[in-house]
PDB file of all heavy atoms in Angstrom:
ATOM      1  N   PRO A   1       0.803  -1.233   0.000  1.00  0.00           N
ATOM      2  CA  PRO A   1       0.000   0.000   0.000  1.00  0.00           C
ATOM      3  C   PRO A   1       0.832   1.277   0.000  1.00  0.00           C
ATOM      4  O   PRO A   1       0.486   2.252  -0.669  1.00  0.00           O
ATOM      5  CB  PRO A   1      -0.822  -0.124   1.282  1.00  0.00           C
ATOM      6  CG  PRO A   1      -0.931  -1.597   1.510  1.00  0.00           C
ATOM      7  CD  PRO A   1       0.371  -2.174   1.048  1.00  0.00           C
ATOM      8  N   GLN A   2       1.943   1.284   0.728  1.00  0.00           N
ATOM      9  CA  GLN A   2       2.749   2.499   0.788  1.00  0.00           C
ATOM     10  C   GLN A   2       3.377   2.825  -0.568  1.00  0.00           C
ATOM     11  O   GLN A   2       3.546   4.000  -0.929  1.00  0.00           O
ATOM     12  CB  GLN A   2       3.827   2.413   1.876  1.00  0.00           C
ATOM     13  CG  GLN A   2       4.839   1.284   1.703  1.00  0.00           C
ATOM     14  CD  GLN A   2       4.429   0.008   2.389  1.00  0.00           C
ATOM     15  OE1 GLN A   2       3.239  -0.274   2.535  1.00  0.00           O
ATOM     16  NE2 GLN A   2       5.422  -0.781   2.829  1.00  0.00           N
ATOM     17  N   ALA A   3       3.717   1.784  -1.345  1.00  0.00           N
ATOM     18  CA  ALA A   3       4.283   2.017  -2.675  1.00  0.00           C
ATOM     19  C   ALA A   3       3.228   2.553  -3.632  1.00  0.00           C
ATOM     20  O   ALA A   3       3.503   3.431  -4.454  1.00  0.00           O
ATOM     21  CB  ALA A   3       4.892   0.732  -3.216  1.00  0.00           C
ATOM     22  N   VAL A   4       2.013   2.029  -3.532  1.00  0.00           N
ATOM     23  CA  VAL A   4       0.924   2.512  -4.381  1.00  0.00           C
ATOM     24  C   VAL A   4       0.609   3.962  -4.037  1.00  0.00           C
ATOM     25  O   VAL A   4       0.405   4.796  -4.924  1.00  0.00           O
ATOM     26  CB  VAL A   4      -0.326   1.633  -4.217  1.00  0.00           C
ATOM     27  CG1 VAL A   4      -1.484   2.190  -5.042  1.00  0.00           C
ATOM     28  CG2 VAL A   4      -0.017   0.194  -4.620  1.00  0.00           C
ATOM     29  N   GLU A   5       0.570   4.279  -2.737  1.00  0.00           N
ATOM     30  CA  GLU A   5       0.309   5.660  -2.324  1.00  0.00           C
ATOM     31  C   GLU A   5       1.426   6.584  -2.800  1.00  0.00           C
ATOM     32  O   GLU A   5       1.180   7.721  -3.215  1.00  0.00           O
ATOM     33  CB  GLU A   5       0.179   5.734  -0.806  1.00  0.00           C
ATOM     34  CG  GLU A   5      -0.171   7.120  -0.272  1.00  0.00           C
ATOM     35  CD  GLU A   5      -1.483   7.663  -0.824  1.00  0.00           C
ATOM     36  OE1 GLU A   5      -2.376   6.862  -1.161  1.00  0.00           O
ATOM     37  OE2 GLU A   5      -1.600   8.908  -0.919  1.00  0.00           O
ATOM     38  N   GLY A   6       2.670   6.080  -2.776  1.00  0.00           N
ATOM     39  CA  GLY A   6       3.784   6.879  -3.288  1.00  0.00           C
ATOM     40  C   GLY A   6       3.627   7.163  -4.769  1.00  0.00           C
ATOM     41  O   GLY A   6       3.935   8.278  -5.235  1.00  0.00           O
ATOM     42  N   ALA A   7       3.138   6.188  -5.517  1.00  0.00           N
ATOM     43  CA  ALA A   7       2.893   6.388  -6.941  1.00  0.00           C
ATOM     44  C   ALA A   7       1.817   7.450  -7.155  1.00  0.00           C
ATOM     45  O   ALA A   7       1.925   8.303  -8.043  1.00  0.00           O
ATOM     46  CB  ALA A   7       2.484   5.079  -7.596  1.00  0.00           C
ATOM     47  N   ARG A   8       0.763   7.394  -6.352  1.00  0.00           N
ATOM     48  CA  ARG A   8      -0.322   8.378  -6.470  1.00  0.00           C
ATOM     49  C   ARG A   8       0.166   9.803  -6.227  1.00  0.00           C
ATOM     50  O   ARG A   8      -0.356  10.750  -6.809  1.00  0.00           O
ATOM     51  CB  ARG A   8      -1.436   8.049  -5.468  1.00  0.00           C
ATOM     52  CG  ARG A   8      -2.393   6.951  -5.927  1.00  0.00           C
ATOM     53  CD  ARG A   8      -3.508   6.779  -4.914  1.00  0.00           C
ATOM     54  NE  ARG A   8      -4.592   5.957  -5.432  1.00  0.00           N
ATOM     55  CZ  ARG A   8      -5.618   6.426  -6.141  1.00  0.00           C
ATOM     56  NH1 ARG A   8      -5.693   7.712  -6.415  1.00  0.00           N
ATOM     57  NH2 ARG A   8      -6.556   5.606  -6.567  1.00  0.00           N
ATOM     58  N   ARG A   9       1.154   9.951  -5.371  1.00  0.00           N
ATOM     59  CA  ARG A   9       1.655  11.286  -5.025  1.00  0.00           C
ATOM     60  C   ARG A   9       2.802  11.734  -5.924  1.00  0.00           C
ATOM     61  O   ARG A   9       3.280  12.865  -5.808  1.00  0.00           O
ATOM     62  CB  ARG A   9       2.118  11.298  -3.567  1.00  0.00           C
ATOM     63  CG  ARG A   9       0.991  11.087  -2.573  1.00  0.00           C
ATOM     64  CD  ARG A   9       1.508  11.136  -1.142  1.00  0.00           C
ATOM     65  NE  ARG A   9       0.444  10.956  -0.178  1.00  0.00           N
ATOM     66  CZ  ARG A   9       0.595  10.988   1.136  1.00  0.00           C
ATOM     67  NH1 ARG A   9       1.815  11.205   1.649  1.00  0.00           N
ATOM     68  NH2 ARG A   9      -0.433  10.816   1.958  1.00  0.00           N
ATOM     69  N   SER A  10       3.236  10.868  -6.823  1.00  0.00           N
ATOM     70  CA  SER A  10       4.391  11.198  -7.652  1.00  0.00           C
ATOM     71  C   SER A  10       3.994  12.102  -8.809  1.00  0.00           C
ATOM     72  O   SER A  10       2.831  12.125  -9.237  1.00  0.00           O
ATOM     73  CB  SER A  10       5.033   9.921  -8.207  1.00  0.00           C
ATOM     74  OG  SER A  10       4.233   9.390  -9.255  1.00  0.00           O
ATOM     75  N   PRO A  11       4.958  12.860  -9.349  1.00  0.00           N
ATOM     76  CA  PRO A  11       4.673  13.721 -10.503  1.00  0.00           C
ATOM     77  C   PRO A  11       4.228  12.935 -11.735  1.00  0.00           C
ATOM     78  O   PRO A  11       3.600  13.496 -12.639  1.00  0.00           O
ATOM     79  CB  PRO A  11       6.016  14.418 -10.753  1.00  0.00           C
ATOM     80  CG  PRO A  11       6.766  14.313  -9.467  1.00  0.00           C
ATOM     81  CD  PRO A  11       6.333  13.033  -8.854  1.00  0.00           C
ATOM     82  N   ALA A  12       4.535  11.636 -11.776  1.00  0.00           N
ATOM     83  CA  ALA A  12       4.193  10.819 -12.944  1.00  0.00           C
ATOM     84  C   ALA A  12       2.760  10.293 -12.910  1.00  0.00           C
ATOM     85  O   ALA A  12       2.313   9.679 -13.891  1.00  0.00           O
ATOM     86  CB  ALA A  12       5.167   9.643 -13.049  1.00  0.00           C
ATOM     87  N   TRP A  13       2.030  10.540 -11.814  1.00  0.00           N
ATOM     88  CA  TRP A  13       0.722   9.933 -11.654  1.00  0.00           C
ATOM     89  C   TRP A  13      -0.252  10.310 -12.778  1.00  0.00           C
ATOM     90  O   TRP A  13      -0.937   9.451 -13.338  1.00  0.00           O
ATOM     91  CB  TRP A  13       0.127  10.299 -10.302  1.00  0.00           C
ATOM     92  CG  TRP A  13      -1.221   9.686 -10.044  1.00  0.00           C
ATOM     93  CD1 TRP A  13      -2.419  10.306  -9.963  1.00  0.00           C
ATOM     94  CD2 TRP A  13      -1.491   8.297  -9.827  1.00  0.00           C
ATOM     95  NE1 TRP A  13      -3.427   9.414  -9.719  1.00  0.00           N
ATOM     96  CE2 TRP A  13      -2.880   8.166  -9.629  1.00  0.00           C
ATOM     97  CE3 TRP A  13      -0.692   7.151  -9.784  1.00  0.00           C
ATOM     98  CZ2 TRP A  13      -3.491   6.936  -9.392  1.00  0.00           C
ATOM     99  CZ3 TRP A  13      -1.300   5.926  -9.550  1.00  0.00           C
ATOM    100  CH2 TRP A  13      -2.674   5.824  -9.362  1.00  0.00           C
ATOM    101  N   GLU A  14      -0.317  11.583 -13.115  1.00  0.00           N
ATOM    102  CA  GLU A  14      -1.248  12.010 -14.162  1.00  0.00           C
ATOM    103  C   GLU A  14      -0.900  11.385 -15.507  1.00  0.00           C
ATOM    104  O   GLU A  14      -1.793  11.024 -16.283  1.00  0.00           O
ATOM    105  CB  GLU A  14      -1.266  13.539 -14.269  1.00  0.00           C
ATOM    106  CG  GLU A  14      -1.913  14.235 -13.080  1.00  0.00           C
ATOM    107  CD  GLU A  14      -3.354  13.776 -12.846  1.00  0.00           C
ATOM    108  OE1 GLU A  14      -4.108  13.685 -13.837  1.00  0.00           O
ATOM    109  OE2 GLU A  14      -3.708  13.508 -11.685  1.00  0.00           O
ATOM    110  N   ASP A  15       0.394  11.233 -15.776  1.00  0.00           N
ATOM    111  CA  ASP A  15       0.799  10.586 -17.027  1.00  0.00           C
ATOM    112  C   ASP A  15       0.427   9.105 -17.023  1.00  0.00           C
ATOM    113  O   ASP A  15       0.031   8.558 -18.063  1.00  0.00           O
ATOM    114  CB  ASP A  15       2.311  10.736 -17.244  1.00  0.00           C
ATOM    115  CG  ASP A  15       2.707  12.170 -17.564  1.00  0.00           C
ATOM    116  OD1 ASP A  15       1.866  12.910 -18.125  1.00  0.00           O
ATOM    117  OD2 ASP A  15       3.848  12.545 -17.260  1.00  0.00           O
ATOM    118  N   MET A  16       0.541   8.461 -15.876  1.00  0.00           N
ATOM    119  CA  MET A  16       0.145   7.058 -15.793  1.00  0.00           C
ATOM    120  C   MET A  16      -1.351   6.907 -16.028  1.00  0.00           C
ATOM    121  O   MET A  16      -1.798   5.978 -16.718  1.00  0.00           O
ATOM    122  CB  MET A  16       0.552   6.462 -14.434  1.00  0.00           C
ATOM    123  CG  MET A  16       2.049   6.221 -14.294  1.00  0.00           C
ATOM    124  SD  MET A  16       2.471   5.226 -12.834  1.00  0.00           S
ATOM    125  CE  MET A  16       2.375   6.470 -11.556  1.00  0.00           C
ATOM    126  N   LYS A  17      -2.144   7.810 -15.486  1.00  0.00           N
ATOM    127  CA  LYS A  17      -3.590   7.746 -15.677  1.00  0.00           C
ATOM    128  C   LYS A  17      -3.964   7.886 -17.156  1.00  0.00           C
ATOM    129  O   LYS A  17      -4.908   7.241 -17.625  1.00  0.00           O
ATOM    130  CB  LYS A  17      -4.281   8.831 -14.855  1.00  0.00           C
ATOM    131  CG  LYS A  17      -4.317   8.547 -13.367  1.00  0.00           C
ATOM    132  CD  LYS A  17      -4.738   9.769 -12.553  1.00  0.00           C
ATOM    133  CE  LYS A  17      -6.095  10.310 -12.941  1.00  0.00           C
ATOM    134  NZ  LYS A  17      -6.494  11.459 -12.094  1.00  0.00           N
ATOM    135  N   LYS A  18      -3.225   8.706 -17.886  1.00  0.00           N
ATOM    136  CA  LYS A  18      -3.532   8.917 -19.307  1.00  0.00           C
ATOM    137  C   LYS A  18      -3.437   7.629 -20.110  1.00  0.00           C
ATOM    138  O   LYS A  18      -4.133   7.480 -21.114  1.00  0.00           O
ATOM    139  CB  LYS A  18      -2.583   9.972 -19.893  1.00  0.00           C
ATOM    140  CG  LYS A  18      -2.830  11.387 -19.415  1.00  0.00           C
ATOM    141  CD  LYS A  18      -1.799  12.343 -20.016  1.00  0.00           C
ATOM    142  CE  LYS A  18      -1.980  13.750 -19.472  1.00  0.00           C
ATOM    143  NZ  LYS A  18      -0.913  14.668 -19.980  1.00  0.00           N
ATOM    144  N   ILE A  19      -2.552   6.733 -19.710  1.00  0.00           N
ATOM    145  CA  ILE A  19      -2.371   5.497 -20.484  1.00  0.00           C
ATOM    146  C   ILE A  19      -2.866   4.281 -19.711  1.00  0.00           C
ATOM    147  O   ILE A  19      -2.459   3.157 -19.986  1.00  0.00           O
ATOM    148  CB  ILE A  19      -0.901   5.317 -20.917  1.00  0.00           C
ATOM    149  CG1 ILE A  19       0.047   5.273 -19.707  1.00  0.00           C
ATOM    150  CG2 ILE A  19      -0.484   6.423 -21.887  1.00  0.00           C
ATOM    151  CD1 ILE A  19       1.480   4.923 -20.078  1.00  0.00           C
ATOM    152  N   ALA A  20      -3.790   4.503 -18.777  1.00  0.00           N
ATOM    153  CA  ALA A  20      -4.310   3.395 -17.964  1.00  0.00           C
ATOM    154  C   ALA A  20      -4.961   2.316 -18.826  1.00  0.00           C
ATOM    155  O   ALA A  20      -4.902   1.126 -18.494  1.00  0.00           O
ATOM    156  CB  ALA A  20      -5.315   3.928 -16.941  1.00  0.00           C
ATOM    157  N   HIS A  21      -5.569   2.729 -19.947  1.00  0.00           N
ATOM    158  CA  HIS A  21      -6.231   1.739 -20.803  1.00  0.00           C
ATOM    159  C   HIS A  21      -5.253   0.717 -21.372  1.00  0.00           C
ATOM    160  O   HIS A  21      -5.637  -0.415 -21.684  1.00  0.00           O
ATOM    161  CB  HIS A  21      -6.969   2.445 -21.945  1.00  0.00           C
ATOM    162  CG  HIS A  21      -6.081   3.246 -22.836  1.00  0.00           C
ATOM    163  ND1 HIS A  21      -5.512   4.447 -22.429  1.00  0.00           N
ATOM    164  CD2 HIS A  21      -5.639   3.029 -24.097  1.00  0.00           C
ATOM    165  CE1 HIS A  21      -4.778   4.933 -23.408  1.00  0.00           C
ATOM    166  NE2 HIS A  21      -4.834   4.088 -24.431  1.00  0.00           N
ATOM    167  N   THR A  22      -3.981   1.094 -21.493  1.00  0.00           N
ATOM    168  CA  THR A  22      -3.005   0.162 -22.065  1.00  0.00           C
ATOM    169  C   THR A  22      -2.619  -0.943 -21.078  1.00  0.00           C
ATOM    170  O   THR A  22      -1.971  -1.915 -21.476  1.00  0.00           O
ATOM    171  CB  THR A  22      -1.734   0.895 -22.540  1.00  0.00           C
ATOM    172  OG1 THR A  22      -1.045   1.458 -21.423  1.00  0.00           O
ATOM    173  CG2 THR A  22      -2.083   1.985 -23.544  1.00  0.00           C
ATOM    174  N   LEU A  23      -3.021  -0.815 -19.822  1.00  0.00           N
ATOM    175  CA  LEU A  23      -2.781  -1.898 -18.878  1.00  0.00           C
ATOM    176  C   LEU A  23      -3.531  -3.158 -19.307  1.00  0.00           C
ATOM    177  O   LEU A  23      -3.068  -4.279 -19.064  1.00  0.00           O
ATOM    178  CB  LEU A  23      -3.210  -1.482 -17.471  1.00  0.00           C
ATOM    179  CG  LEU A  23      -2.368  -0.368 -16.841  1.00  0.00           C
ATOM    180  CD1 LEU A  23      -2.996   0.096 -15.534  1.00  0.00           C
ATOM    181  CD2 LEU A  23      -0.931  -0.829 -16.621  1.00  0.00           C
ATOM    182  N   CYS A  24      -4.667  -2.974 -19.952  1.00  0.00           N
ATOM    183  CA  CYS A  24      -5.398  -4.122 -20.490  1.00  0.00           C
ATOM    184  C   CYS A  24      -4.608  -4.780 -21.619  1.00  0.00           C
ATOM    185  O   CYS A  24      -4.713  -5.996 -21.838  1.00  0.00           O
ATOM    186  CB  CYS A  24      -6.770  -3.694 -20.983  1.00  0.00           C
ATOM    187  SG  CYS A  24      -7.865  -3.095 -19.667  1.00  0.00           S
ATOM    188  N   TYR A  25      -3.811  -3.990 -22.343  1.00  0.00           N
ATOM    189  CA  TYR A  25      -2.965  -4.560 -23.390  1.00  0.00           C
ATOM    190  C   TYR A  25      -1.871  -5.425 -22.769  1.00  0.00           C
ATOM    191  O   TYR A  25      -1.564  -6.515 -23.271  1.00  0.00           O
ATOM    192  CB  TYR A  25      -2.322  -3.450 -24.224  1.00  0.00           C
ATOM    193  CG  TYR A  25      -3.275  -2.490 -24.901  1.00  0.00           C
ATOM    194  CD1 TYR A  25      -2.791  -1.365 -25.558  1.00  0.00           C
ATOM    195  CD2 TYR A  25      -4.651  -2.685 -24.885  1.00  0.00           C
ATOM    196  CE1 TYR A  25      -3.646  -0.482 -26.195  1.00  0.00           C
ATOM    197  CE2 TYR A  25      -5.510  -1.806 -25.517  1.00  0.00           C
ATOM    198  CZ  TYR A  25      -5.000  -0.688 -26.163  1.00  0.00           C
ATOM    199  OH  TYR A  25      -5.851   0.181 -26.783  1.00  0.00           O
ATOM    200  N   ASP A  26      -1.304  -4.932 -21.674  1.00  0.00           N
ATOM    201  CA  ASP A  26      -0.235  -5.691 -21.019  1.00  0.00           C
ATOM    202  C   ASP A  26      -0.760  -7.009 -20.450  1.00  0.00           C
ATOM    203  O   ASP A  26      -0.091  -8.044 -20.547  1.00  0.00           O
ATOM    204  CB  ASP A  26       0.410  -4.852 -19.912  1.00  0.00           C
ATOM    205  CG  ASP A  26       1.309  -3.766 -20.468  1.00  0.00           C
ATOM    206  OD1 ASP A  26       2.368  -4.094 -21.008  1.00  0.00           O
ATOM    207  OD2 ASP A  26       0.940  -2.581 -20.370  1.00  0.00           O
TER     208      ASP A  26
END
């Protein structure tokens, strides 16, 4: 949980959300 929360607070979070649909590709 602490790593996931760290990801949410990171500057890269918004960029990760933009390509969330590609997680289904992976």
